[in-house]
Amino acid sequence: MPTNNFRKLISIFWTFLRISPLTFGGGYAMLPAIHREVVETNGWMSDDEMTELLAISGAAPGGVGVNVSALVGYHLAGIRGAVAAVIGITLPTFIIVMLLSMVYAILQSYPKMQAIMEGIHAAIVGLIAAAAYKMAKSSIIDKMTLFTAIATVLVLLFIPISPILVIGSGFVVGIAVVFLKQKWGMKDPFASKETKSQAPMTNRAADYFIADGI
């Protein structure tokens, strides 16, 4: 393996290894840290590319944090990059969860432990809200995306429906809206991004459903 490729794999592994133990709540609570490291700190991807990966990760089975890590790693270094990222994001969590489980089993009845857990729960809400805000800045680009995001949140909050059905509906709506706008000669919300990203329309249209995990 060339030295440059090996260094990139180590960099990917180390980046996600550092993210995992510092983010409580997993999943969407990890997204602000992943975004900061991948887009802002290392400059590996643009905001638009990251948003597209988040849309795909939210629609795929499994934890969104692991999904995003795998997709980022694959984007940077193929299969080996995906493996390095997934190992990095999961290894600390596995060790920490094992240790915390033993500690919590002993101290769960203590009032201070209960207070700590309540504080962590509140912090997780803030982390998820921050992730939603950053995703919304690049995903809600017109009235239709705004309507879809609001409708998705309301459906998930008040209707007992499987998220899989909502995700599938989001893909259909996204593709249909882009197709109809292009057919009717309306302004294409993705036209300004064509020079930045050549992703297939199915991936770009998935941005219409970025609220599926909120």
Foldseek 3Di string as FASTA:
>chain_A
DDPVLVVVLVVLLVLLLVQQVVFPPFALLSQVSVCCVCCPVPNVDHLLVLLLQLLVLLLDDDGSRLSSQLVSLCVRRRNSRSVSSNCSNVVVVVVVVVVVVVVCVVCVVPPVVVVVVVVSVVVSVVSNVVSVVSSCVPLVQDPLLVVLLVVLVVCVVPPPDDLNVSLVVQLVVLVVVQVVCVVVVHDRSCPVCVVVDVDDSSSSSSSSNSNSVD
